[in-house]
């Protein structure tokens, strides 16, 4: 029996805190529904910090100038489905501070089926 290794998908995620140290989470409906921190896969040639800033803009309309990007907090590796394809996702999590008023989903260019966000 041969088992194949799922393809690698590198991702960057943000642990977003506001001035009151509340954590921002996003709700998705796919795969039975789940809550997650903002973020997503790296584009070709992109590093993790650049991807974090891009994802915050695409998903939540946050101007990168409004983001205080901090240190990497954690790294996680997990096999799961993206679309209908199994991948081994390696995620790096970065501490991020913003004002709650900087979140503007109306400016999001790729909201990725986000159903709601909540602090």
Protein backbone atom coordinates (compact mmCIF):
# COMPACT_ATOMS: atom_id res chain seq x y z
CA UNK A 1 0.00 0.00 0.00
CA UNK A 2 1.36 3.40 -0.99
CA UNK A 3 0.47 6.54 0.89
CA UNK A 4 1.24 9.89 -0.63
CA UNK A 5 2.24 12.99 1.25
CA UNK A 6 -0.18 15.85 0.71
CA UNK A 7 1.32 18.91 -1.00
CA UNK A 8 2.73 21.63 1.25
CA UNK A 9 0.68 24.80 1.65
CA UNK A 10 2.48 27.54 3.58
CA UNK A 11 0.25 30.01 5.37
CA UNK A 12 0.46 33.12 7.53
CA UNK A 13 -2.10 33.93 10.19
CA UNK A 14 -2.62 36.90 12.50
CA UNK A 15 -3.54 36.82 16.16
CA UNK A 16 -5.24 40.22 16.07
CA UNK A 17 -5.67 42.16 19.32
CA UNK A 18 -7.41 45.50 19.76
CA UNK A 19 -6.72 48.18 22.41
CA UNK A 20 -8.70 46.13 24.97
CA UNK A 21 -6.73 42.93 24.18
CA UNK A 22 -9.75 41.29 22.55
CA UNK A 23 -8.93 38.64 19.92
CA UNK A 24 -10.51 38.90 16.46
CA UNK A 25 -11.98 35.67 15.04
CA UNK A 26 -13.66 34.94 11.70
CA UNK A 27 -16.50 32.46 11.13
CA UNK A 28 -16.63 30.24 8.05
CA UNK A 29 -19.37 27.78 7.01
CA UNK A 30 -17.32 25.29 4.97
CA UNK A 31 -16.13 21.96 6.41
CA UNK A 32 -18.96 21.95 8.93
CA UNK A 33 -18.30 25.52 10.10
CA UNK A 34 -15.43 26.86 12.16
CA UNK A 35 -13.86 29.97 13.69
CA UNK A 36 -10.29 30.99 12.78
CA UNK A 37 -7.83 33.83 12.96
CA UNK A 38 -7.38 35.94 9.80
CA UNK A 39 -4.84 34.65 7.28
CA UNK A 40 -4.19 32.39 4.37
CA UNK A 41 -1.67 30.88 2.01
CA UNK A 42 1.48 32.57 0.79
CA UNK A 43 1.65 33.71 -2.83
CA UNK A 44 4.70 32.88 -4.97
CA UNK A 45 7.78 34.71 -3.68
CA UNK A 46 5.96 36.14 -0.67
CA UNK A 47 7.26 35.96 2.90
CA UNK A 48 5.07 35.32 5.94
CA UNK A 49 4.94 38.91 7.23
CA UNK A 50 3.99 40.29 3.81
CA UNK A 51 1.30 37.60 3.47
CA UNK A 52 -0.10 38.48 6.91
CA UNK A 53 -0.54 42.13 5.93
CA UNK A 54 -2.04 41.22 2.54
CA UNK A 55 -4.52 38.78 4.08
CA UNK A 56 -5.70 41.37 6.63
CA UNK A 57 -6.40 43.76 3.77
CA UNK A 58 -8.07 41.17 1.52
CA UNK A 59 -10.24 39.57 4.22
CA UNK A 60 -11.09 42.54 6.44
CA UNK A 61 -10.28 45.73 4.52
CA UNK A 62 -7.54 46.71 7.00
CA UNK A 63 -4.97 49.20 5.67
CA UNK A 64 -1.50 47.78 6.29
CA UNK A 65 -0.40 51.18 7.63
CA UNK A 66 -2.86 50.67 10.51
CA UNK A 67 -1.27 47.35 11.53
CA UNK A 68 1.31 46.96 14.26
CA UNK A 69 2.83 43.62 13.27
CA UNK A 70 4.69 41.89 16.08
CA UNK A 71 6.69 38.75 16.57
CA UNK A 72 5.88 35.26 15.39
CA UNK A 73 4.01 33.55 18.23
CA UNK A 74 3.61 30.00 17.00
CA UNK A 75 3.85 27.55 14.13
CA UNK A 76 1.44 24.71 13.41
CA UNK A 77 1.41 21.91 10.85
CA UNK A 78 -1.86 20.20 9.98
CA UNK A 79 -3.27 18.02 7.21
CA UNK A 80 -6.73 19.18 6.14
CA UNK A 81 -8.94 19.90 3.15
CA UNK A 82 -8.69 23.14 1.20
CA UNK A 83 -11.45 23.13 -1.35
CA UNK A 84 -11.69 19.42 -2.11
CA UNK A 85 -7.93 18.83 -1.95
CA UNK A 86 -5.98 17.50 1.02
CA UNK A 87 -2.90 19.61 1.91
CA UNK A 88 -0.31 19.73 4.67
CA UNK A 89 -0.64 23.30 5.84
CA UNK A 90 2.19 24.88 7.80
CA UNK A 91 0.96 28.08 9.47
CA UNK A 92 3.02 30.78 11.15
CA UNK A 93 1.08 32.99 13.57
CA UNK A 94 2.03 36.64 14.12
CA UNK A 95 0.91 38.96 16.90
CA UNK A 96 -0.93 41.90 15.38
CA UNK A 97 -2.41 44.99 17.01
CA UNK A 98 -5.02 47.22 15.37
CA UNK A 99 -7.83 49.50 16.36
CA UNK A 100 -11.23 47.79 16.17
CA UNK A 101 -12.39 50.68 13.97
CA UNK A 102 -9.81 49.74 11.30
CA UNK A 103 -11.77 46.57 10.45
CA UNK A 104 -13.94 47.44 7.43
CA UNK A 105 -15.26 44.36 5.59
CA UNK A 106 -16.82 46.67 2.96
CA UNK A 107 -13.23 47.36 1.75
CA UNK A 108 -12.28 43.66 1.67
CA UNK A 109 -11.21 42.53 -1.79
CA UNK A 110 -11.34 38.75 -1.09
CA UNK A 111 -13.56 37.98 1.91
CA UNK A 112 -13.14 34.20 1.35
CA UNK A 113 -16.67 33.21 2.44
CA UNK A 114 -16.27 34.85 5.85
CA UNK A 115 -19.73 34.83 7.45
CA UNK A 116 -18.93 37.16 10.34
CA UNK A 117 -16.16 38.51 12.49
CA UNK A 118 -16.29 38.89 16.24
CA UNK A 119 -14.02 40.25 18.94
